[in-house]
Full PDB file with SEQRES, HELIX, SHEET, SSBOND, CRYST1, ORIGX, SCALE, CONECT and MASTER records, all heavy atoms in Angstrom:
SEQRES   1 A   31  LYS ILE GLY ILE LEU PRO ASN VAL GLU LYS ASP LYS ASP          
SEQRES   2 A   31  LEU ALA VAL THR LYS ARG LEU ILE GLN TYR ILE ARG GLU          
SEQRES   3 A   31  ARG GLY CYS THR PRO                                          
HELIX    1 AA1 LYS A   12  LEU A   14  5                                   3    
HELIX    2 AA2 ALA A   15  GLU A   26  1                                  12    
CRYST1    1.000    1.000    1.000  90.00  90.00  90.00 P 1           1          
ORIGX1      1.000000  0.000000  0.000000        0.00000                         
ORIGX2      0.000000  1.000000  0.000000        0.00000                         
ORIGX3      0.000000  0.000000  1.000000        0.00000                         
SCALE1      1.000000  0.000000  0.000000        0.00000                         
SCALE2      0.000000  1.000000  0.000000        0.00000                         
SCALE3      0.000000  0.000000  1.000000        0.00000                         
ATOM      1  N   LYS A   1       0.821  -1.199  -0.027  1.00  0.00           N  
ATOM      2  CA  LYS A   1      -0.067   0.006  -0.010  1.00  0.00           C  
ATOM      3  C   LYS A   1       0.877   1.269  -0.047  1.00  0.00           C  
ATOM      4  O   LYS A   1       1.641   1.483   0.913  1.00  0.00           O  
ATOM      5  CB  LYS A   1      -0.957   0.004   1.231  1.00  0.00           C  
ATOM      6  CG  LYS A   1      -1.936  -1.174   1.239  1.00  0.00           C  
ATOM      7  CD  LYS A   1      -2.823  -1.054   2.459  1.00  0.00           C  
ATOM      8  CE  LYS A   1      -3.773  -2.286   2.505  1.00  0.00           C  
ATOM      9  NZ  LYS A   1      -4.651  -2.142   3.746  1.00  0.00           N  
ATOM     10  N   ILE A   2       0.734   2.069  -1.054  1.00  0.00           N  
ATOM     11  CA  ILE A   2       1.559   3.289  -1.185  1.00  0.00           C  
ATOM     12  C   ILE A   2       0.610   4.485  -1.400  1.00  0.00           C  
ATOM     13  O   ILE A   2      -0.151   4.568  -2.384  1.00  0.00           O  
ATOM     14  CB  ILE A   2       2.472   3.198  -2.406  1.00  0.00           C  
ATOM     15  CG1 ILE A   2       3.380   1.912  -2.305  1.00  0.00           C  
ATOM     16  CG2 ILE A   2       3.365   4.399  -2.593  1.00  0.00           C  
ATOM     17  CD1 ILE A   2       4.232   1.635  -3.516  1.00  0.00           C  
ATOM     18  N   GLY A   3       0.649   5.373  -0.371  1.00  0.00           N  
ATOM     19  CA  GLY A   3      -0.170   6.553  -0.435  1.00  0.00           C  
ATOM     20  C   GLY A   3       0.465   7.621  -1.311  1.00  0.00           C  
ATOM     21  O   GLY A   3       1.671   7.841  -1.228  1.00  0.00           O  
ATOM     22  N   ILE A   4      -0.331   8.174  -2.128  1.00  0.00           N  
ATOM     23  CA  ILE A   4       0.177   9.323  -3.010  1.00  0.00           C  
ATOM     24  C   ILE A   4      -0.543  10.591  -2.645  1.00  0.00           C  
ATOM     25  O   ILE A   4      -1.783  10.660  -2.590  1.00  0.00           O  
ATOM     26  CB  ILE A   4      -0.130   9.012  -4.532  1.00  0.00           C  
ATOM     27  CG1 ILE A   4       0.438   7.653  -4.897  1.00  0.00           C  
ATOM     28  CG2 ILE A   4       0.517  10.129  -5.319  1.00  0.00           C  
ATOM     29  CD1 ILE A   4       0.203   7.266  -6.380  1.00  0.00           C  
ATOM     30  N   LEU A   5       0.255  11.613  -2.268  1.00  0.00           N  
ATOM     31  CA  LEU A   5      -0.301  12.887  -1.727  1.00  0.00           C  
ATOM     32  C   LEU A   5       0.203  14.038  -2.579  1.00  0.00           C  
ATOM     33  O   LEU A   5       1.210  14.580  -2.254  1.00  0.00           O  
ATOM     34  CB  LEU A   5      -0.002  13.034  -0.284  1.00  0.00           C  
ATOM     35  CG  LEU A   5      -0.661  11.946   0.577  1.00  0.00           C  
ATOM     36  CD1 LEU A   5       0.152  11.750   1.853  1.00  0.00           C  
ATOM     37  CD2 LEU A   5      -2.079  12.368   0.929  1.00  0.00           C  
ATOM     38  N   PRO A   6      -0.504  14.415  -3.658  1.00  0.00           N  
ATOM     39  CA  PRO A   6       0.043  15.455  -4.510  1.00  0.00           C  
ATOM     40  C   PRO A   6      -0.405  16.833  -4.118  1.00  0.00           C  
ATOM     41  O   PRO A   6      -1.442  17.046  -3.515  1.00  0.00           O  
ATOM     42  CB  PRO A   6      -0.618  15.093  -5.859  1.00  0.00           C  
ATOM     43  CG  PRO A   6      -2.011  14.490  -5.478  1.00  0.00           C  
ATOM     44  CD  PRO A   6      -1.698  13.759  -4.166  1.00  0.00           C  
ATOM     45  N   ASN A   7       0.422  17.874  -4.461  1.00  0.00           N  
ATOM     46  CA  ASN A   7       0.079  19.228  -4.421  1.00  0.00           C  
ATOM     47  C   ASN A   7      -0.636  19.494  -5.643  1.00  0.00           C  
ATOM     48  O   ASN A   7      -0.045  19.572  -6.800  1.00  0.00           O  
ATOM     49  CB  ASN A   7       1.281  20.107  -4.199  1.00  0.00           C  
ATOM     50  CG  ASN A   7       0.965  21.592  -4.115  1.00  0.00           C  
ATOM     51  OD1 ASN A   7       0.047  22.059  -4.755  1.00  0.00           O  
ATOM     52  ND2 ASN A   7       1.733  22.287  -3.343  1.00  0.00           N  
ATOM     53  N   VAL A   8      -1.980  19.565  -5.659  1.00  0.00           N  
ATOM     54  CA  VAL A   8      -2.678  19.761  -6.907  1.00  0.00           C  
ATOM     55  C   VAL A   8      -2.516  20.975  -7.623  1.00  0.00           C  
ATOM     56  O   VAL A   8      -2.804  21.172  -8.825  1.00  0.00           O  
ATOM     57  CB  VAL A   8      -4.243  19.586  -6.646  1.00  0.00           C  
ATOM     58  CG1 VAL A   8      -4.547  18.197  -6.061  1.00  0.00           C  
ATOM     59  CG2 VAL A   8      -4.748  20.630  -5.579  1.00  0.00           C  
ATOM     60  N   GLU A   9      -1.920  22.021  -7.015  1.00  0.00           N  
ATOM     61  CA  GLU A   9      -1.549  23.265  -7.647  1.00  0.00           C  
ATOM     62  C   GLU A   9      -0.284  23.114  -8.447  1.00  0.00           C  
ATOM     63  O   GLU A   9      -0.105  23.838  -9.485  1.00  0.00           O  
ATOM     64  CB  GLU A   9      -1.380  24.399  -6.656  1.00  0.00           C  
ATOM     65  CG  GLU A   9      -2.766  24.768  -5.997  1.00  0.00           C  
ATOM     66  CD  GLU A   9      -2.593  25.882  -5.050  1.00  0.00           C  
ATOM     67  OE1 GLU A   9      -1.436  26.457  -4.844  1.00  0.00           O  
ATOM     68  OE2 GLU A   9      -3.644  26.289  -4.302  1.00  0.00           O  
ATOM     69  N   LYS A  10       0.573  22.256  -8.023  1.00  0.00           N  
ATOM     70  CA  LYS A  10       1.868  22.040  -8.726  1.00  0.00           C  
ATOM     71  C   LYS A  10       1.812  20.842  -9.764  1.00  0.00           C  
ATOM     72  O   LYS A  10       2.525  20.864 -10.759  1.00  0.00           O  
ATOM     73  CB  LYS A  10       2.939  21.720  -7.707  1.00  0.00           C  
ATOM     74  CG  LYS A  10       3.277  22.987  -6.875  1.00  0.00           C  
ATOM     75  CD  LYS A  10       4.569  22.732  -6.065  1.00  0.00           C  
ATOM     76  CE  LYS A  10       4.954  23.995  -5.308  1.00  0.00           C  
ATOM     77  NZ  LYS A  10       6.164  23.850  -4.460  1.00  0.00           N  
ATOM     78  N   ASP A  11       0.953  19.886  -9.443  1.00  0.00           N  
ATOM     79  CA  ASP A  11       0.821  18.710 -10.395  1.00  0.00           C  
ATOM     80  C   ASP A  11      -0.464  19.076 -11.273  1.00  0.00           C  
ATOM     81  O   ASP A  11      -1.552  18.531 -11.006  1.00  0.00           O  
ATOM     82  CB  ASP A  11       0.671  17.476  -9.580  1.00  0.00           C  
ATOM     83  CG  ASP A  11       0.579  16.241 -10.503  1.00  0.00           C  
ATOM     84  OD1 ASP A  11       0.958  16.369 -11.711  1.00  0.00           O  
ATOM     85  OD2 ASP A  11       0.328  15.137 -10.027  1.00  0.00           O  
ATOM     86  N   LYS A  12      -0.246  19.843 -12.223  1.00  0.00           N  
ATOM     87  CA  LYS A  12      -1.353  20.281 -13.083  1.00  0.00           C  
ATOM     88  C   LYS A  12      -1.998  19.092 -13.731  1.00  0.00           C  
ATOM     89  O   LYS A  12      -1.317  18.250 -14.340  1.00  0.00           O  
ATOM     90  CB  LYS A  12      -0.866  21.239 -14.132  1.00  0.00           C  
ATOM     91  CG  LYS A  12      -0.210  22.582 -13.600  1.00  0.00           C  
ATOM     92  CD  LYS A  12      -1.198  23.350 -12.756  1.00  0.00           C  
ATOM     93  CE  LYS A  12      -0.581  24.628 -12.261  1.00  0.00           C  
ATOM     94  NZ  LYS A  12      -1.549  25.454 -11.405  1.00  0.00           N  
ATOM     95  N   ASP A  13      -3.353  19.023 -13.710  1.00  0.00           N  
ATOM     96  CA  ASP A  13      -4.106  17.926 -14.290  1.00  0.00           C  
ATOM     97  C   ASP A  13      -3.724  16.584 -13.686  1.00  0.00           C  
ATOM     98  O   ASP A  13      -4.047  15.544 -14.237  1.00  0.00           O  
ATOM     99  CB  ASP A  13      -3.956  17.872 -15.824  1.00  0.00           C  
ATOM    100  CG  ASP A  13      -4.441  19.169 -16.484  1.00  0.00           C  
ATOM    101  OD1 ASP A  13      -5.450  19.768 -15.995  1.00  0.00           O  
ATOM    102  OD2 ASP A  13      -3.756  19.696 -17.383  1.00  0.00           O  
ATOM    103  N   LEU A  14      -2.995  16.629 -12.516  1.00  0.00           N  
ATOM    104  CA  LEU A  14      -2.592  15.385 -11.881  1.00  0.00           C  
ATOM    105  C   LEU A  14      -1.769  14.428 -12.772  1.00  0.00           C  
ATOM    106  O   LEU A  14      -1.838  13.247 -12.717  1.00  0.00           O  
ATOM    107  CB  LEU A  14      -3.767  14.654 -11.225  1.00  0.00           C  
ATOM    108  CG  LEU A  14      -4.521  15.412 -10.160  1.00  0.00           C  
ATOM    109  CD1 LEU A  14      -5.697  14.601  -9.672  1.00  0.00           C  
ATOM    110  CD2 LEU A  14      -3.538  15.697  -9.014  1.00  0.00           C  
ATOM    111  N   ALA A  15      -1.005  15.084 -13.677  1.00  0.00           N  
ATOM    112  CA  ALA A  15      -0.290  14.256 -14.699  1.00  0.00           C  
ATOM    113  C   ALA A  15       0.736  13.331 -14.050  1.00  0.00           C  
ATOM    114  O   ALA A  15       0.865  12.242 -14.366  1.00  0.00           O  
ATOM    115  CB  ALA A  15       0.462  15.244 -15.673  1.00  0.00           C  
ATOM    116  N   VAL A  16       1.526  13.852 -13.036  1.00  0.00           N  
ATOM    117  CA  VAL A  16       2.560  13.030 -12.362  1.00  0.00           C  
ATOM    118  C   VAL A  16       1.878  11.980 -11.545  1.00  0.00           C  
ATOM    119  O   VAL A  16       2.279  10.828 -11.442  1.00  0.00           O  
ATOM    120  CB  VAL A  16       3.469  13.847 -11.512  1.00  0.00           C  
ATOM    121  CG1 VAL A  16       4.520  13.039 -10.862  1.00  0.00           C  
ATOM    122  CG2 VAL A  16       4.129  14.955 -12.392  1.00  0.00           C  
ATOM    123  N   THR A  17       0.821  12.371 -10.847  1.00  0.00           N  
ATOM    124  CA  THR A  17       0.019  11.440  -9.991  1.00  0.00           C  
ATOM    125  C   THR A  17      -0.472  10.290 -10.808  1.00  0.00           C  
ATOM    126  O   THR A  17      -0.279   9.147 -10.393  1.00  0.00           O  
ATOM    127  CB  THR A  17      -1.142  12.180  -9.302  1.00  0.00           C  
ATOM    128  OG1 THR A  17      -0.663  13.245  -8.495  1.00  0.00           O  
ATOM    129  CG2 THR A  17      -2.016  11.192  -8.451  1.00  0.00           C  
ATOM    130  N   LYS A  18      -1.007  10.515 -11.922  1.00  0.00           N  
ATOM    131  CA  LYS A  18      -1.575   9.463 -12.809  1.00  0.00           C  
ATOM    132  C   LYS A  18      -0.446   8.570 -13.283  1.00  0.00           C  
ATOM    133  O   LYS A  18      -0.580   7.319 -13.378  1.00  0.00           O  
ATOM    134  CB  LYS A  18      -2.306  10.030 -13.941  1.00  0.00           C  
ATOM    135  CG  LYS A  18      -3.655  10.770 -13.568  1.00  0.00           C  
ATOM    136  CD  LYS A  18      -4.217  11.496 -14.816  1.00  0.00           C  
ATOM    137  CE  LYS A  18      -5.468  12.254 -14.423  1.00  0.00           C  
ATOM    138  NZ  LYS A  18      -6.087  12.913 -15.594  1.00  0.00           N  
ATOM    139  N   ARG A  19       0.650   9.165 -13.641  1.00  0.00           N  
ATOM    140  CA  ARG A  19       1.841   8.356 -14.078  1.00  0.00           C  
ATOM    141  C   ARG A  19       2.299   7.429 -12.999  1.00  0.00           C  
ATOM    142  O   ARG A  19       2.547   6.236 -13.233  1.00  0.00           O  
ATOM    143  CB  ARG A  19       2.908   9.365 -14.485  1.00  0.00           C  
ATOM    144  CG  ARG A  19       4.076   8.773 -15.259  1.00  0.00           C  
ATOM    145  CD  ARG A  19       5.155   9.774 -15.535  1.00  0.00           C  
ATOM    146  NE  ARG A  19       6.164   9.816 -14.467  1.00  0.00           N  
ATOM    147  CZ  ARG A  19       6.892  10.906 -14.145  1.00  0.00           C  
ATOM    148  NH1 ARG A  19       6.713  11.982 -14.811  1.00  0.00           N  
ATOM    149  NH2 ARG A  19       7.733  10.847 -13.204  1.00  0.00           N  
ATOM    150  N   LEU A  20       2.348   7.930 -11.774  1.00  0.00           N  
ATOM    151  CA  LEU A  20       2.810   7.094 -10.652  1.00  0.00           C  
ATOM    152  C   LEU A  20       1.760   6.031 -10.282  1.00  0.00           C  
ATOM    153  O   LEU A  20       2.151   4.962  -9.766  1.00  0.00           O  
ATOM    154  CB  LEU A  20       3.165   7.974  -9.454  1.00  0.00           C  
ATOM    155  CG  LEU A  20       4.392   8.932  -9.735  1.00  0.00           C  
ATOM    156  CD1 LEU A  20       4.780   9.588  -8.402  1.00  0.00           C  
ATOM    157  CD2 LEU A  20       5.547   8.196 -10.370  1.00  0.00           C  
ATOM    158  N   ILE A  21       0.486   6.352 -10.391  1.00  0.00           N  
ATOM    159  CA  ILE A  21      -0.533   5.304 -10.117  1.00  0.00           C  
ATOM    160  C   ILE A  21      -0.302   4.092 -11.067  1.00  0.00           C  
ATOM    161  O   ILE A  21      -0.362   3.006 -10.615  1.00  0.00           O  
ATOM    162  CB  ILE A  21      -1.904   5.964 -10.318  1.00  0.00           C  
ATOM    163  CG1 ILE A  21      -2.283   6.924  -9.253  1.00  0.00           C  
ATOM    164  CG2 ILE A  21      -2.967   4.743 -10.414  1.00  0.00           C  
ATOM    165  CD1 ILE A  21      -3.598   7.694  -9.513  1.00  0.00           C  
ATOM    166  N   GLN A  22      -0.072   4.370 -12.340  1.00  0.00           N  
ATOM    167  CA  GLN A  22       0.117   3.379 -13.307  1.00  0.00           C  
ATOM    168  C   GLN A  22       1.383   2.520 -13.023  1.00  0.00           C  
ATOM    169  O   GLN A  22       1.453   1.296 -13.051  1.00  0.00           O  
ATOM    170  CB  GLN A  22       0.203   3.962 -14.706  1.00  0.00           C  
ATOM    171  CG  GLN A  22      -1.111   4.379 -15.349  1.00  0.00           C  
ATOM    172  CD  GLN A  22      -2.056   3.142 -15.457  1.00  0.00           C  
ATOM    173  OE1 GLN A  22      -3.077   3.085 -14.814  1.00  0.00           O  
ATOM    174  NE2 GLN A  22      -1.716   2.230 -16.370  1.00  0.00           N  
ATOM    175  N   TYR A  23       2.440   3.270 -12.535  1.00  0.00           N  
ATOM    176  CA  TYR A  23       3.681   2.596 -12.318  1.00  0.00           C  
ATOM    177  C   TYR A  23       3.623   1.698 -11.102  1.00  0.00           C  
ATOM    178  O   TYR A  23       4.124   0.565 -11.042  1.00  0.00           O  
ATOM    179  CB  TYR A  23       4.851   3.578 -12.097  1.00  0.00           C  
ATOM    180  CG  TYR A  23       6.168   2.965 -12.096  1.00  0.00           C  
ATOM    181  CD1 TYR A  23       6.744   2.461 -13.242  1.00  0.00           C  
ATOM    182  CD2 TYR A  23       6.886   2.798 -10.870  1.00  0.00           C  
ATOM    183  CE1 TYR A  23       8.037   1.892 -13.218  1.00  0.00           C  
ATOM    184  CE2 TYR A  23       8.117   2.221 -10.844  1.00  0.00           C  
ATOM    185  CZ  TYR A  23       8.743   1.713 -12.052  1.00  0.00           C  
ATOM    186  OH  TYR A  23       9.932   1.118 -11.962  1.00  0.00           O  
ATOM    187  N   ILE A  24       2.869   2.201 -10.055  1.00  0.00           N  
ATOM    188  CA  ILE A  24       2.761   1.491  -8.796  1.00  0.00           C  
ATOM    189  C   ILE A  24       1.951   0.179  -9.015  1.00  0.00           C  
ATOM    190  O   ILE A  24       2.247  -0.863  -8.575  1.00  0.00           O  
ATOM    191  CB  ILE A  24       2.118   2.346  -7.727  1.00  0.00           C  
ATOM    192  CG1 ILE A  24       3.132   3.409  -7.204  1.00  0.00           C  
ATOM    193  CG2 ILE A  24       1.582   1.533  -6.591  1.00  0.00           C  
ATOM    194  CD1 ILE A  24       2.565   4.467  -6.374  1.00  0.00           C  
ATOM    195  N   ARG A  25       0.976   0.321  -9.856  1.00  0.00           N  
ATOM    196  CA  ARG A  25       0.133  -0.842 -10.268  1.00  0.00           C  
ATOM    197  C   ARG A  25       0.978  -1.868 -10.997  1.00  0.00           C  
ATOM    198  O   ARG A  25       0.862  -3.137 -10.702  1.00  0.00           O  
ATOM    199  CB  ARG A  25      -1.018  -0.418 -11.136  1.00  0.00           C  
ATOM    200  CG  ARG A  25      -2.111   0.374 -10.402  1.00  0.00           C  
ATOM    201  CD  ARG A  25      -3.148   0.908 -11.366  1.00  0.00           C  
ATOM    202  NE  ARG A  25      -3.802  -0.143 -12.123  1.00  0.00           N  
ATOM    203  CZ  ARG A  25      -4.794   0.122 -12.998  1.00  0.00           C  
ATOM    204  NH1 ARG A  25      -5.172   1.344 -13.220  1.00  0.00           N  
ATOM    205  NH2 ARG A  25      -5.368  -0.882 -13.593  1.00  0.00           N  
ATOM    206  N   GLU A  26       1.859  -1.440 -11.912  1.00  0.00           N  
ATOM    207  CA  GLU A  26       2.710  -2.285 -12.677  1.00  0.00           C  
ATOM    208  C   GLU A  26       3.697  -3.075 -11.738  1.00  0.00           C  
ATOM    209  O   GLU A  26       4.044  -4.223 -11.966  1.00  0.00           O  
ATOM    210  CB  GLU A  26       3.496  -1.548 -13.720  1.00  0.00           C  
ATOM    211  CG  GLU A  26       2.611  -1.041 -14.774  1.00  0.00           C  
ATOM    212  CD  GLU A  26       3.387  -0.060 -15.738  1.00  0.00           C  
ATOM    213  OE1 GLU A  26       4.572   0.097 -15.543  1.00  0.00           O  
ATOM    214  OE2 GLU A  26       2.758   0.523 -16.647  1.00  0.00           O  
ATOM    215  N   ARG A  27       4.039  -2.441 -10.649  1.00  0.00           N  
ATOM    216  CA  ARG A  27       4.921  -3.136  -9.663  1.00  0.00           C  
ATOM    217  C   ARG A  27       4.219  -4.050  -8.681  1.00  0.00           C  
ATOM    218  O   ARG A  27       4.801  -4.497  -7.742  1.00  0.00           O  
ATOM    219  CB  ARG A  27       5.690  -2.029  -8.855  1.00  0.00           C  
ATOM    220  CG  ARG A  27       6.670  -1.183  -9.708  1.00  0.00           C  
ATOM    221  CD  ARG A  27       7.716  -2.058 -10.458  1.00  0.00           C  
ATOM    222  NE  ARG A  27       8.326  -3.025  -9.564  1.00  0.00           N  
ATOM    223  CZ  ARG A  27       9.424  -2.816  -8.885  1.00  0.00           C  
ATOM    224  NH1 ARG A  27      10.001  -1.613  -8.943  1.00  0.00           N  
ATOM    225  NH2 ARG A  27       9.865  -3.734  -8.156  1.00  0.00           N  
ATOM    226  N   GLY A  28       2.957  -4.242  -8.902  1.00  0.00           N  
ATOM    227  CA  GLY A  28       2.138  -5.132  -8.090  1.00  0.00           C  
ATOM    228  C   GLY A  28       1.750  -4.527  -6.690  1.00  0.00           C  
ATOM    229  O   GLY A  28       1.372  -5.283  -5.847  1.00  0.00           O  
ATOM    230  N   CYS A  29       1.735  -3.250  -6.589  1.00  0.00           N  
ATOM    231  CA  CYS A  29       1.376  -2.591  -5.354  1.00  0.00           C  
ATOM    232  C   CYS A  29       0.076  -1.810  -5.551  1.00  0.00           C  
ATOM    233  O   CYS A  29      -0.422  -1.650  -6.701  1.00  0.00           O  
ATOM    234  CB  CYS A  29       2.425  -1.664  -4.920  1.00  0.00           C  
ATOM    235  SG  CYS A  29       4.048  -2.376  -4.617  1.00  0.00           S  
ATOM    236  N   THR A  30      -0.549  -1.377  -4.490  1.00  0.00           N  
ATOM    237  CA  THR A  30      -1.864  -0.714  -4.550  1.00  0.00           C  
ATOM    238  C   THR A  30      -1.660   0.759  -4.215  1.00  0.00           C  
ATOM    239  O   THR A  30      -1.238   1.084  -3.033  1.00  0.00           O  
ATOM    240  CB  THR A  30      -2.874  -1.367  -3.621  1.00  0.00           C  
ATOM    241  OG1 THR A  30      -3.028  -2.714  -3.882  1.00  0.00           O  
ATOM    242  CG2 THR A  30      -4.172  -0.599  -3.690  1.00  0.00           C  
ATOM    243  N   PRO A  31      -1.935   1.700  -5.119  1.00  0.00           N  
ATOM    244  CA  PRO A  31      -1.853   3.149  -4.745  1.00  0.00           C  
ATOM    245  C   PRO A  31      -3.096   3.510  -3.888  1.00  0.00           C  
ATOM    246  O   PRO A  31      -4.188   2.945  -4.073  1.00  0.00           O  
ATOM    247  CB  PRO A  31      -1.908   3.819  -6.139  1.00  0.00           C  
ATOM    248  CG  PRO A  31      -2.649   2.835  -7.030  1.00  0.00           C  
ATOM    249  CD  PRO A  31      -2.287   1.451  -6.524  1.00  0.00           C  
TER     250      PRO A  31                                                      
MASTER        0    0    0    2    0    0    0    6  249    1    0    3          
END                                                                             
């Protein structure tokens, strides 16, 4: 279980957040 806590003002459109969600899933973990 990996918690992701973005600053939504700096991560525009949550682009980095979405990228890391996909990567964490690929590693067999749960975002």
